[in-house]
């Protein structure tokens, strides 16, 4: 699944514009292990509340 998404992303974006996506790719690579550690050590309920708040706040910002 990840391979299909990556290939679609590259084909849609094109090789010339791939340089601008390098920051997103590197950020994802670095953030994934940190996220795994956070999820491993924190209780589920506070994490779900935090995720819900992030989604609500980022969605609310688009309205204003």
PDB file of N, CA and C in Angstrom:
ATOM      1  N   UNK A   1       0.821  -1.183   0.000  1.00  0.00           N
ATOM      2  CA  UNK A   1       0.000   0.000   0.000  1.00  0.00           C
ATOM      3  C   UNK A   1       0.868   1.251   0.000  1.00  0.00           C
ATOM      4  N   UNK A   2       1.880   1.269   0.835  1.00  0.00           N
ATOM      5  CA  UNK A   2       2.758   2.438   0.906  1.00  0.00           C
ATOM      6  C   UNK A   2       3.499   2.647  -0.404  1.00  0.00           C
ATOM      7  N   UNK A   3       3.908   1.578  -1.020  1.00  0.00           N
ATOM      8  CA  UNK A   3       4.600   1.686  -2.300  1.00  0.00           C
ATOM      9  C   UNK A   3       3.692   2.299  -3.359  1.00  0.00           C
ATOM     10  N   UNK A   4       2.441   1.881  -3.389  1.00  0.00           N
ATOM     11  CA  UNK A   4       1.486   2.422  -4.357  1.00  0.00           C
ATOM     12  C   UNK A   4       1.271   3.911  -4.122  1.00  0.00           C
ATOM     13  N   UNK A   5       1.136   4.315  -2.889  1.00  0.00           N
ATOM     14  CA  UNK A   5       0.954   5.734  -2.574  1.00  0.00           C
ATOM     15  C   UNK A   5       2.190   6.528  -2.966  1.00  0.00           C
ATOM     16  N   UNK A   6       3.363   5.996  -2.689  1.00  0.00           N
ATOM     17  CA  UNK A   6       4.604   6.695  -3.029  1.00  0.00           C
ATOM     18  C   UNK A   6       4.765   6.847  -4.537  1.00  0.00           C
ATOM     19  N   UNK A   7       4.494   5.803  -5.268  1.00  0.00           N
ATOM     20  CA  UNK A   7       4.604   5.869  -6.737  1.00  0.00           C
ATOM     21  C   UNK A   7       3.595   6.865  -7.294  1.00  0.00           C
ATOM     22  N   UNK A   8       2.384   6.846  -6.805  1.00  0.00           N
ATOM     23  CA  UNK A   8       1.366   7.800  -7.252  1.00  0.00           C
ATOM     24  C   UNK A   8       1.784   9.222  -6.927  1.00  0.00           C
ATOM     25  N   UNK A   9       2.342   9.434  -5.756  1.00  0.00           N
ATOM     26  CA  UNK A   9       2.812  10.760  -5.355  1.00  0.00           C
ATOM     27  C   UNK A   9       3.902  11.258  -6.301  1.00  0.00           C
ATOM     28  N   UNK A  10       4.874  10.410  -6.596  1.00  0.00           N
ATOM     29  CA  UNK A  10       5.978  10.801  -7.472  1.00  0.00           C
ATOM     30  C   UNK A  10       5.486  11.054  -8.891  1.00  0.00           C
ATOM     31  N   UNK A  11       4.609  10.195  -9.384  1.00  0.00           N
ATOM     32  CA  UNK A  11       4.102  10.379 -10.742  1.00  0.00           C
ATOM     33  C   UNK A  11       3.238  11.637 -10.863  1.00  0.00           C
ATOM     34  N   UNK A  12       2.468  11.924  -9.839  1.00  0.00           N
ATOM     35  CA  UNK A  12       1.616  13.111  -9.868  1.00  0.00           C
ATOM     36  C   UNK A  12       2.444  14.381  -9.727  1.00  0.00           C
ATOM     37  N   UNK A  13       3.395  14.372  -8.817  1.00  0.00           N
ATOM     38  CA  UNK A  13       4.208  15.545  -8.546  1.00  0.00           C
ATOM     39  C   UNK A  13       5.261  15.757  -9.633  1.00  0.00           C
ATOM     40  N   UNK A  14       5.782  14.688 -10.139  1.00  0.00           N
ATOM     41  CA  UNK A  14       6.839  14.783 -11.139  1.00  0.00           C
ATOM     42  C   UNK A  14       8.204  14.814 -10.483  1.00  0.00           C
ATOM     43  N   UNK A  15       9.205  14.375 -11.202  1.00  0.00           N
ATOM     44  CA  UNK A  15      10.561  14.310 -10.659  1.00  0.00           C
ATOM     45  C   UNK A  15      11.116  15.698 -10.385  1.00  0.00           C
ATOM     46  N   UNK A  16      10.758  16.691 -11.197  1.00  0.00           N
ATOM     47  CA  UNK A  16      11.325  18.030 -11.030  1.00  0.00           C
ATOM     48  C   UNK A  16      10.851  18.698  -9.751  1.00  0.00           C
ATOM     49  N   UNK A  17       9.651  18.404  -9.297  1.00  0.00           N
ATOM     50  CA  UNK A  17       9.107  19.007  -8.083  1.00  0.00           C
ATOM     51  C   UNK A  17       9.361  18.166  -6.835  1.00  0.00           C
ATOM     52  N   UNK A  18      10.025  17.054  -6.982  1.00  0.00           N
ATOM     53  CA  UNK A  18      10.258  16.166  -5.854  1.00  0.00           C
ATOM     54  C   UNK A  18      11.176  16.797  -4.809  1.00  0.00           C
ATOM     55  N   UNK A  19      12.033  17.708  -5.233  1.00  0.00           N
ATOM     56  CA  UNK A  19      12.945  18.372  -4.295  1.00  0.00           C
ATOM     57  C   UNK A  19      12.213  19.129  -3.204  1.00  0.00           C
ATOM     58  N   UNK A  20      11.073  19.705  -3.532  1.00  0.00           N
ATOM     59  CA  UNK A  20      10.315  20.446  -2.526  1.00  0.00           C
ATOM     60  C   UNK A  20       9.651  19.514  -1.513  1.00  0.00           C
ATOM     61  N   UNK A  21       9.507  18.252  -1.836  1.00  0.00           N
ATOM     62  CA  UNK A  21       8.877  17.294  -0.932  1.00  0.00           C
ATOM     63  C   UNK A  21       9.889  16.591  -0.028  1.00  0.00           C
ATOM     64  N   UNK A  22      11.162  16.834  -0.239  1.00  0.00           N
ATOM     65  CA  UNK A  22      12.200  16.164   0.557  1.00  0.00           C
ATOM     66  C   UNK A  22      12.038  16.479   2.041  1.00  0.00           C
ATOM     67  N   UNK A  23      11.691  17.719   2.361  1.00  0.00           N
ATOM     68  CA  UNK A  23      11.485  18.093   3.763  1.00  0.00           C
ATOM     69  C   UNK A  23      10.363  17.301   4.406  1.00  0.00           C
ATOM     70  N   UNK A  24       9.276  17.097   3.669  1.00  0.00           N
ATOM     71  CA  UNK A  24       8.170  16.294   4.188  1.00  0.00           C
ATOM     72  C   UNK A  24       8.585  14.844   4.397  1.00  0.00           C
ATOM     73  N   UNK A  25       9.344  14.320   3.466  1.00  0.00           N
ATOM     74  CA  UNK A  25       9.796  12.929   3.554  1.00  0.00           C
ATOM     75  C   UNK A  25      10.733  12.747   4.750  1.00  0.00           C
ATOM     76  N   UNK A  26      11.706  13.652   4.886  1.00  0.00           N
ATOM     77  CA  UNK A  26      12.652  13.544   6.003  1.00  0.00           C
ATOM     78  C   UNK A  26      11.949  13.767   7.342  1.00  0.00           C
ATOM     79  N   UNK A  27      11.012  14.698   7.386  1.00  0.00           N
ATOM     80  CA  UNK A  27      10.258  14.926   8.614  1.00  0.00           C
ATOM     81  C   UNK A  27       9.470  13.700   9.030  1.00  0.00           C
ATOM     82  N   UNK A  28       8.873  13.023   8.068  1.00  0.00           N
ATOM     83  CA  UNK A  28       8.132  11.803   8.364  1.00  0.00           C
ATOM     84  C   UNK A  28       9.031  10.690   8.867  1.00  0.00           C
ATOM     85  N   UNK A  29      10.202  10.593   8.266  1.00  0.00           N
ATOM     86  CA  UNK A  29      11.161   9.562   8.690  1.00  0.00           C
ATOM     87  C   UNK A  29      11.628   9.816  10.117  1.00  0.00           C
ATOM     88  N   UNK A  30      11.851  11.077  10.452  1.00  0.00           N
ATOM     89  CA  UNK A  30      12.326  11.406  11.799  1.00  0.00           C
ATOM     90  C   UNK A  30      11.199  11.371  12.837  1.00  0.00           C
ATOM     91  N   UNK A  31       9.996  11.730  12.435  1.00  0.00           N
ATOM     92  CA  UNK A  31       8.899  11.804  13.397  1.00  0.00           C
ATOM     93  C   UNK A  31       8.280  10.445  13.715  1.00  0.00           C
ATOM     94  N   UNK A  32       8.375   9.497  12.823  1.00  0.00           N
ATOM     95  CA  UNK A  32       7.746   8.192  13.042  1.00  0.00           C
ATOM     96  C   UNK A  32       8.273   7.475  14.294  1.00  0.00           C
ATOM     97  N   UNK A  33       9.578   7.362  14.500  1.00  0.00           N
ATOM     98  CA  UNK A  33      10.044   6.704  15.729  1.00  0.00           C
ATOM     99  C   UNK A  33       9.668   7.473  16.999  1.00  0.00           C
ATOM    100  N   UNK A  34       9.693   8.800  16.934  1.00  0.00           N
ATOM    101  CA  UNK A  34       9.309   9.595  18.104  1.00  0.00           C
ATOM    102  C   UNK A  34       7.835   9.384  18.424  1.00  0.00           C
ATOM    103  N   UNK A  35       6.992   9.345  17.401  1.00  0.00           N
ATOM    104  CA  UNK A  35       5.575   9.090  17.603  1.00  0.00           C
ATOM    105  C   UNK A  35       5.323   7.713  18.179  1.00  0.00           C
ATOM    106  N   UNK A  36       6.091   6.740  17.732  1.00  0.00           N
ATOM    107  CA  UNK A  36       5.936   5.378  18.253  1.00  0.00           C
ATOM    108  C   UNK A  36       6.287   5.314  19.739  1.00  0.00           C
ATOM    109  N   UNK A  37       7.313   6.027  20.141  1.00  0.00           N
ATOM    110  CA  UNK A  37       7.687   6.047  21.560  1.00  0.00           C
ATOM    111  C   UNK A  37       6.614   6.730  22.404  1.00  0.00           C
ATOM    112  N   UNK A  38       6.060   7.818  21.893  1.00  0.00           N
ATOM    113  CA  UNK A  38       5.006   8.522  22.634  1.00  0.00           C
ATOM    114  C   UNK A  38       3.791   7.621  22.808  1.00  0.00           C
ATOM    115  N   UNK A  39       3.381   6.981  21.739  1.00  0.00           N
ATOM    116  CA  UNK A  39       2.203   6.115  21.783  1.00  0.00           C
ATOM    117  C   UNK A  39       2.435   4.916  22.702  1.00  0.00           C
ATOM    118  N   UNK A  40       3.644   4.446  22.746  1.00  0.00           N
ATOM    119  CA  UNK A  40       3.964   3.282  23.571  1.00  0.00           C
ATOM    120  C   UNK A  40       3.875   3.592  25.068  1.00  0.00           C
ATOM    121  N   UNK A  41       4.214   4.820  25.460  1.00  0.00           N
ATOM    122  CA  UNK A  41       4.324   5.144  26.880  1.00  0.00           C
ATOM    123  C   UNK A  41       3.142   5.920  27.459  1.00  0.00           C
ATOM    124  N   UNK A  42       2.302   6.514  26.644  1.00  0.00           N
ATOM    125  CA  UNK A  42       1.190   7.309  27.157  1.00  0.00           C
ATOM    126  C   UNK A  42      -0.113   6.518  27.100  1.00  0.00           C
ATOM    127  N   UNK A  43      -1.040   6.820  28.003  1.00  0.00           N
ATOM    128  CA  UNK A  43      -2.343   6.152  27.974  1.00  0.00           C
ATOM    129  C   UNK A  43      -3.143   6.546  26.731  1.00  0.00           C
ATOM    130  N   UNK A  44      -4.045   5.677  26.337  1.00  0.00           N
ATOM    131  CA  UNK A  44      -4.785   5.851  25.097  1.00  0.00           C
ATOM    132  C   UNK A  44      -5.730   7.050  25.149  1.00  0.00           C
ATOM    133  N   UNK A  45      -6.464   7.195  26.228  1.00  0.00           N
ATOM    134  CA  UNK A  45      -7.486   8.251  26.299  1.00  0.00           C
ATOM    135  C   UNK A  45      -6.902   9.658  26.115  1.00  0.00           C
ATOM    136  N   UNK A  46      -5.831  10.043  26.826  1.00  0.00           N
ATOM    137  CA  UNK A  46      -5.261  11.378  26.593  1.00  0.00           C
ATOM    138  C   UNK A  46      -4.743  11.564  25.161  1.00  0.00           C
ATOM    139  N   UNK A  47      -4.216  10.499  24.570  1.00  0.00           N
ATOM    140  CA  UNK A  47      -3.762  10.596  23.183  1.00  0.00           C
ATOM    141  C   UNK A  47      -4.929  10.851  22.239  1.00  0.00           C
ATOM    142  N   UNK A  48      -6.032  10.161  22.455  1.00  0.00           N
ATOM    143  CA  UNK A  48      -7.205  10.356  21.599  1.00  0.00           C
ATOM    144  C   UNK A  48      -7.754  11.773  21.753  1.00  0.00           C
ATOM    145  N   UNK A  49      -7.758  12.286  22.971  1.00  0.00           N
ATOM    146  CA  UNK A  49      -8.220  13.656  23.193  1.00  0.00           C
ATOM    147  C   UNK A  49      -7.289  14.652  22.508  1.00  0.00           C
ATOM    148  N   UNK A  50      -5.994  14.418  22.603  1.00  0.00           N
ATOM    149  CA  UNK A  50      -5.023  15.311  21.960  1.00  0.00           C
ATOM    150  C   UNK A  50      -5.184  15.308  20.441  1.00  0.00           C
ATOM    151  N   UNK A  51      -5.362  14.138  19.867  1.00  0.00           N
ATOM    152  CA  UNK A  51      -5.556  14.039  18.411  1.00  0.00           C
ATOM    153  C   UNK A  51      -6.846  14.747  18.007  1.00  0.00           C
ATOM    154  N   UNK A  52      -7.903  14.548  18.763  1.00  0.00           N
ATOM    155  CA  UNK A  52      -9.178  15.202  18.459  1.00  0.00           C
ATOM    156  C   UNK A  52      -9.028  16.722  18.521  1.00  0.00           C
ATOM    157  N   UNK A  53      -8.320  17.226  19.524  1.00  0.00           N
ATOM    158  CA  UNK A  53      -8.122  18.671  19.645  1.00  0.00           C
ATOM    159  C   UNK A  53      -7.301  19.235  18.484  1.00  0.00           C
ATOM    160  N   UNK A  54      -6.270  18.509  18.078  1.00  0.00           N
ATOM    161  CA  UNK A  54      -5.466  18.962  16.941  1.00  0.00           C
ATOM    162  C   UNK A  54      -6.318  19.032  15.681  1.00  0.00           C
ATOM    163  N   UNK A  55      -7.134  18.037  15.455  1.00  0.00           N
ATOM    164  CA  UNK A  55      -8.000  18.024  14.269  1.00  0.00           C
ATOM    165  C   UNK A  55      -9.011  19.165  14.336  1.00  0.00           C
ATOM    166  N   UNK A  56      -9.618  19.374  15.482  1.00  0.00           N
ATOM    167  CA  UNK A  56     -10.612  20.445  15.625  1.00  0.00           C
ATOM    168  C   UNK A  56      -9.966  21.816  15.425  1.00  0.00           C
ATOM    169  N   UNK A  57      -8.821  22.041  16.043  1.00  0.00           N
ATOM    170  CA  UNK A  57      -8.161  23.348  15.931  1.00  0.00           C
ATOM    171  C   UNK A  57      -7.715  23.615  14.498  1.00  0.00           C
ATOM    172  N   UNK A  58      -7.108  22.630  13.849  1.00  0.00           N
ATOM    173  CA  UNK A  58      -6.654  22.861  12.475  1.00  0.00           C
ATOM    174  C   UNK A  58      -7.826  23.041  11.525  1.00  0.00           C
ATOM    175  N   UNK A  59      -8.928  22.390  11.795  1.00  0.00           N
ATOM    176  CA  UNK A  59     -10.115  22.582  10.966  1.00  0.00           C
ATOM    177  C   UNK A  59     -10.748  23.941  11.226  1.00  0.00           C
ATOM    178  N   UNK A  60     -10.756  24.379  12.474  1.00  0.00           N
ATOM    179  CA  UNK A  60     -11.344  25.677  12.823  1.00  0.00           C
ATOM    180  C   UNK A  60     -10.550  26.819  12.209  1.00  0.00           C
ATOM    181  N   UNK A  61      -9.251  26.658  12.123  1.00  0.00           N
ATOM    182  CA  UNK A  61      -8.408  27.702  11.532  1.00  0.00           C
ATOM    183  C   UNK A  61      -8.793  27.946  10.072  1.00  0.00           C
ATOM    184  N   UNK A  62      -9.180  26.920   9.370  1.00  0.00           N
ATOM    185  CA  UNK A  62      -9.556  27.069   7.960  1.00  0.00           C
ATOM    186  C   UNK A  62     -10.830  27.890   7.783  1.00  0.00           C
ATOM    187  N   UNK A  63     -11.687  27.921   8.805  1.00  0.00           N
ATOM    188  CA  UNK A  63     -12.917  28.685   8.719  1.00  0.00           C
ATOM    189  C   UNK A  63     -12.699  30.185   8.887  1.00  0.00           C
ATOM    190  N   UNK A  64     -11.603  30.556   9.564  1.00  0.00           N
ATOM    191  CA  UNK A  64     -11.378  31.973   9.852  1.00  0.00           C
ATOM    192  C   UNK A  64     -10.253  32.546   9.068  1.00  0.00           C
TER     193      UNK A  64
END
